[in-house]
Amino acid sequence: MSHTKAILVAFALPLVIAALWQEGICQKREKTRTAVTKKMDSVRQGRWGGRGVILDVTESGAVIEFDCASGAINEPMALDKNNRFEAKGTHMTERPGPVRMGQEDGEQSALYTGSVDAETLTLTIELTGAKQIIGTFTLAFGKSSRLRKCL
């Protein structure tokens, strides 16, 4: 190999390697961007936590715990095109102390509505029979919450 070809290879080879490496980085970024912007079709499964509330979402619904209440969502939490959901379930107010025989358990029909924005979920709970809003809560994915159960 001549001295000129050796110099050309010495300078050109790093440029070719850099160009190939850059192409790989661009493709990786595009794949990541596509994954991030992909539309969700249901609320992300796992634990969502907020002040005084924990929501454990599964494929078939969710279980929710409050300081002095609990509930269940009895159907999948499907999202519409605006990342909003509406699901039926139950809500039960808890009381301190032991439950006596014959005492009502307080379970009522509930409608759980809300929306998801990235790692934040907003949840509103309405008792359907009483047409009463229990409240609106803000939860974060992967966050646990400290509950102070009624004693």
C-alpha atoms as a PDB file:
ATOM      1  CA  MET A   1       0.000   0.000   0.000  1.00  0.00           C
ATOM      2  CA  SER A   2       1.383   3.384  -0.923  1.00  0.00           C
ATOM      3  CA  HIS A   3       1.977   6.105   1.618  1.00  0.00           C
ATOM      4  CA  THR A   4      -0.872   8.221   0.115  1.00  0.00           C
ATOM      5  CA  LYS A   5      -3.387   5.342   0.347  1.00  0.00           C
ATOM      6  CA  ALA A   6      -2.351   4.662   3.946  1.00  0.00           C
ATOM      7  CA  ILE A   7      -2.956   8.309   4.889  1.00  0.00           C
ATOM      8  CA  LEU A   8      -6.293   8.293   3.053  1.00  0.00           C
ATOM      9  CA  VAL A   9      -7.412   5.133   4.900  1.00  0.00           C
ATOM     10  CA  ALA A  10      -6.183   6.563   8.219  1.00  0.00           C
ATOM     11  CA  PHE A  11      -8.364   9.670   7.767  1.00  0.00           C
ATOM     12  CA  ALA A  12     -11.327   8.134   5.935  1.00  0.00           C
ATOM     13  CA  LEU A  13     -11.845   5.082   8.146  1.00  0.00           C
ATOM     14  CA  PRO A  14     -12.719   7.086  11.309  1.00  0.00           C
ATOM     15  CA  LEU A  15     -15.147   9.212   9.265  1.00  0.00           C
ATOM     16  CA  VAL A  16     -16.900   6.127   7.894  1.00  0.00           C
ATOM     17  CA  ILE A  17     -17.120   4.604  11.390  1.00  0.00           C
ATOM     18  CA  ALA A  18     -18.485   7.875  12.815  1.00  0.00           C
ATOM     19  CA  ALA A  19     -21.118   8.087  10.061  1.00  0.00           C
ATOM     20  CA  LEU A  20     -22.262   4.501  10.660  1.00  0.00           C
ATOM     21  CA  TRP A  21     -22.367   5.077  14.417  1.00  0.00           C
ATOM     22  CA  GLN A  22     -24.393   8.273  13.965  1.00  0.00           C
ATOM     23  CA  GLU A  23     -26.879   6.412  11.734  1.00  0.00           C
ATOM     24  CA  GLY A  24     -27.366   3.819  14.468  1.00  0.00           C
ATOM     25  CA  ILE A  25     -27.988   6.517  17.085  1.00  0.00           C
ATOM     26  CA  CYS A  26     -30.587   8.195  14.871  1.00  0.00           C
ATOM     27  CA  GLN A  27     -32.424   4.916  14.309  1.00  0.00           C
ATOM     28  CA  LYS A  28     -32.410   4.213  18.066  1.00  0.00           C
ATOM     29  CA  ARG A  29     -33.817   7.687  18.820  1.00  0.00           C
ATOM     30  CA  GLU A  30     -36.578   7.214  16.242  1.00  0.00           C
ATOM     31  CA  LYS A  31     -37.553   3.853  17.773  1.00  0.00           C
ATOM     32  CA  THR A  32     -37.639   5.454  21.238  1.00  0.00           C
ATOM     33  CA  ARG A  33     -39.709   8.396  19.972  1.00  0.00           C
ATOM     34  CA  THR A  34     -42.177   6.004  18.335  1.00  0.00           C
ATOM     35  CA  ALA A  35     -42.503   3.976  21.542  1.00  0.00           C
ATOM     36  CA  VAL A  36     -43.104   7.106  23.627  1.00  0.00           C
ATOM     37  CA  THR A  37     -45.721   8.585  21.300  1.00  0.00           C
ATOM     38  CA  LYS A  38     -47.546   5.286  20.797  1.00  0.00           C
ATOM     39  CA  LYS A  39     -51.184   5.566  21.840  1.00  0.00           C
ATOM     40  CA  MET A  40     -52.110   3.681  25.002  1.00  0.00           C
ATOM     41  CA  ASP A  41     -55.310   1.647  24.863  1.00  0.00           C
ATOM     42  CA  SER A  42     -55.721   1.118  28.607  1.00  0.00           C
ATOM     43  CA  VAL A  43     -54.454   2.474  31.903  1.00  0.00           C
ATOM     44  CA  ARG A  44     -50.935   1.204  32.573  1.00  0.00           C
ATOM     45  CA  GLN A  45     -50.908  -1.863  34.809  1.00  0.00           C
ATOM     46  CA  GLY A  46     -49.144  -1.548  38.139  1.00  0.00           C
ATOM     47  CA  ARG A  47     -49.272   0.637  41.226  1.00  0.00           C
ATOM     48  CA  TRP A  48     -50.415   4.246  41.127  1.00  0.00           C
ATOM     49  CA  GLY A  49     -50.138   6.237  44.339  1.00  0.00           C
ATOM     50  CA  GLY A  50     -51.311   9.581  45.619  1.00  0.00           C
ATOM     51  CA  ARG A  51     -52.081  11.346  48.860  1.00  0.00           C
ATOM     52  CA  GLY A  52     -54.081   8.857  50.932  1.00  0.00           C
ATOM     53  CA  VAL A  53     -54.829   6.556  47.974  1.00  0.00           C
ATOM     54  CA  ILE A  54     -53.284   3.540  46.242  1.00  0.00           C
ATOM     55  CA  LEU A  55     -54.614   2.127  42.955  1.00  0.00           C
ATOM     56  CA  ASP A  56     -53.369  -1.286  41.787  1.00  0.00           C
ATOM     57  CA  VAL A  57     -54.331  -1.709  38.129  1.00  0.00           C
ATOM     58  CA  THR A  58     -54.539  -5.146  36.515  1.00  0.00           C
ATOM     59  CA  GLU A  59     -55.608  -6.327  33.073  1.00  0.00           C
ATOM     60  CA  SER A  60     -59.168  -6.927  34.294  1.00  0.00           C
ATOM     61  CA  GLY A  61     -59.687  -3.886  36.545  1.00  0.00           C
ATOM     62  CA  ALA A  62     -58.221  -2.473  39.727  1.00  0.00           C
ATOM     63  CA  VAL A  63     -58.239  -2.478  43.499  1.00  0.00           C
ATOM     64  CA  ILE A  64     -58.196   0.839  45.325  1.00  0.00           C
ATOM     65  CA  GLU A  65     -57.339   1.590  48.949  1.00  0.00           C
ATOM     66  CA  PHE A  66     -57.941   4.826  50.821  1.00  0.00           C
ATOM     67  CA  ASP A  67     -57.273   5.848  54.406  1.00  0.00           C
ATOM     68  CA  CYS A  68     -60.810   4.908  55.455  1.00  0.00           C
ATOM     69  CA  ALA A  69     -62.322   3.265  52.395  1.00  0.00           C
ATOM     70  CA  SER A  70     -61.657   0.717  49.672  1.00  0.00           C
ATOM     71  CA  GLY A  71     -63.009  -0.125  46.281  1.00  0.00           C
ATOM     72  CA  ALA A  72     -62.747  -2.236  43.176  1.00  0.00           C
ATOM     73  CA  ILE A  73     -62.999  -1.538  39.481  1.00  0.00           C
ATOM     74  CA  ASN A  74     -64.671  -4.575  37.933  1.00  0.00           C
ATOM     75  CA  GLU A  75     -63.749  -4.047  34.274  1.00  0.00           C
ATOM     76  CA  PRO A  76     -60.670  -3.136  32.238  1.00  0.00           C
ATOM     77  CA  MET A  77     -59.742   0.549  32.397  1.00  0.00           C
ATOM     78  CA  ALA A  78     -59.864   1.238  28.638  1.00  0.00           C
ATOM     79  CA  LEU A  79     -58.714   4.638  27.382  1.00  0.00           C
ATOM     80  CA  ASP A  80     -60.443   6.601  24.652  1.00  0.00           C
ATOM     81  CA  LYS A  81     -58.620   8.705  22.026  1.00  0.00           C
ATOM     82  CA  ASN A  82     -58.156  11.505  24.597  1.00  0.00           C
ATOM     83  CA  ASN A  83     -56.649   9.139  27.215  1.00  0.00           C
ATOM     84  CA  ARG A  84     -59.802   9.293  29.333  1.00  0.00           C
ATOM     85  CA  PHE A  85     -61.459   6.314  31.002  1.00  0.00           C
ATOM     86  CA  GLU A  86     -64.746   5.386  32.619  1.00  0.00           C
ATOM     87  CA  ALA A  87     -65.209   2.125  34.540  1.00  0.00           C
ATOM     88  CA  LYS A  88     -67.827   0.663  36.874  1.00  0.00           C
ATOM     89  CA  GLY A  89     -67.036  -0.785  40.245  1.00  0.00           C
ATOM     90  CA  THR A  90     -67.766  -0.607  43.939  1.00  0.00           C
ATOM     91  CA  HIS A  91     -66.784   1.653  46.825  1.00  0.00           C
ATOM     92  CA  MET A  92     -66.940   0.794  50.496  1.00  0.00           C
ATOM     93  CA  THR A  93     -66.571   3.264  53.341  1.00  0.00           C
ATOM     94  CA  GLU A  94     -64.760   1.747  56.314  1.00  0.00           C
ATOM     95  CA  ARG A  95     -65.294   2.522  59.988  1.00  0.00           C
ATOM     96  CA  PRO A  96     -63.079   2.195  62.994  1.00  0.00           C
ATOM     97  CA  GLY A  97     -63.427  -0.802  65.268  1.00  0.00           C
ATOM     98  CA  PRO A  98     -64.823  -4.283  64.687  1.00  0.00           C
ATOM     99  CA  VAL A  99     -67.786  -4.923  62.394  1.00  0.00           C
ATOM    100  CA  ARG A 100     -70.789  -6.365  64.205  1.00  0.00           C
ATOM    101  CA  MET A 101     -72.964  -9.151  62.831  1.00  0.00           C
ATOM    102  CA  GLY A 102     -75.852  -7.794  60.793  1.00  0.00           C
ATOM    103  CA  GLN A 103     -74.116  -4.473  60.304  1.00  0.00           C
ATOM    104  CA  GLU A 104     -74.157  -3.232  56.711  1.00  0.00           C
ATOM    105  CA  ASP A 105     -70.789  -3.317  55.009  1.00  0.00           C
ATOM    106  CA  GLY A 106     -71.399   0.019  53.235  1.00  0.00           C
ATOM    107  CA  GLU A 107     -70.489  -1.246  49.740  1.00  0.00           C
ATOM    108  CA  GLN A 108     -72.052   0.885  47.021  1.00  0.00           C
ATOM    109  CA  SER A 109     -71.974   1.040  43.213  1.00  0.00           C
ATOM    110  CA  ALA A 110     -69.418   3.510  41.943  1.00  0.00           C
ATOM    111  CA  LEU A 111     -68.312   5.045  38.680  1.00  0.00           C
ATOM    112  CA  TYR A 112     -64.583   5.687  38.310  1.00  0.00           C
ATOM    113  CA  THR A 113     -63.655   8.284  35.694  1.00  0.00           C
ATOM    114  CA  GLY A 114     -60.468  10.102  34.863  1.00  0.00           C
ATOM    115  CA  SER A 115     -57.573  10.587  32.535  1.00  0.00           C
ATOM    116  CA  VAL A 116     -53.932   9.661  32.100  1.00  0.00           C
ATOM    117  CA  ASP A 117     -51.183  12.079  31.090  1.00  0.00           C
ATOM    118  CA  ALA A 118     -47.792  10.311  30.906  1.00  0.00           C
ATOM    119  CA  GLU A 119     -47.068   9.161  34.481  1.00  0.00           C
ATOM    120  CA  THR A 120     -49.994  11.032  36.106  1.00  0.00           C
ATOM    121  CA  LEU A 121     -53.528   9.705  36.555  1.00  0.00           C
ATOM    122  CA  THR A 122     -56.478  11.840  37.652  1.00  0.00           C
ATOM    123  CA  LEU A 123     -59.303   9.818  39.216  1.00  0.00           C
ATOM    124  CA  THR A 124     -62.834  10.916  40.158  1.00  0.00           C
ATOM    125  CA  ILE A 125     -65.149   8.615  42.089  1.00  0.00           C
ATOM    126  CA  GLU A 126     -68.936   8.971  42.051  1.00  0.00           C
ATOM    127  CA  LEU A 127     -71.392   6.871  44.043  1.00  0.00           C
ATOM    128  CA  THR A 128     -73.923   6.097  41.331  1.00  0.00           C
ATOM    129  CA  GLY A 129     -76.935   5.376  43.563  1.00  0.00           C
ATOM    130  CA  ALA A 130     -76.544   8.562  45.616  1.00  0.00           C
ATOM    131  CA  LYS A 131     -75.172  10.628  42.701  1.00  0.00           C
ATOM    132  CA  GLN A 132     -72.484  11.808  45.127  1.00  0.00           C
ATOM    133  CA  ILE A 133     -68.884  12.633  44.189  1.00  0.00           C
ATOM    134  CA  ILE A 134     -66.469  11.104  46.698  1.00  0.00           C
ATOM    135  CA  GLY A 135     -63.572  13.154  45.373  1.00  0.00           C
ATOM    136  CA  THR A 136     -60.934  13.668  42.715  1.00  0.00           C
ATOM    137  CA  PHE A 137     -57.428  12.327  43.265  1.00  0.00           C
ATOM    138  CA  THR A 138     -54.103  12.745  41.485  1.00  0.00           C
ATOM    139  CA  LEU A 139     -51.868   9.665  41.359  1.00  0.00           C
ATOM    140  CA  ALA A 140     -48.390   8.965  39.989  1.00  0.00           C
ATOM    141  CA  PHE A 141     -47.300   5.704  38.380  1.00  0.00           C
ATOM    142  CA  GLY A 142     -44.927   3.591  40.457  1.00  0.00           C
ATOM    143  CA  LYS A 143     -45.498   5.668  43.576  1.00  0.00           C
ATOM    144  CA  SER A 144     -46.591   4.099  46.814  1.00  0.00           C
ATOM    145  CA  SER A 145     -48.566   6.035  49.368  1.00  0.00           C
ATOM    146  CA  ARG A 146     -48.792   5.913  53.111  1.00  0.00           C
ATOM    147  CA  LEU A 147     -52.308   5.065  54.214  1.00  0.00           C
ATOM    148  CA  ARG A 148     -53.633   5.830  57.681  1.00  0.00           C
ATOM    149  CA  LYS A 149     -56.349   3.224  58.046  1.00  0.00           C
ATOM    150  CA  CYS A 150     -59.347   3.878  60.303  1.00  0.00           C
ATOM    151  CA  LEU A 151     -58.795   2.237  63.661  1.00  0.00           C
END
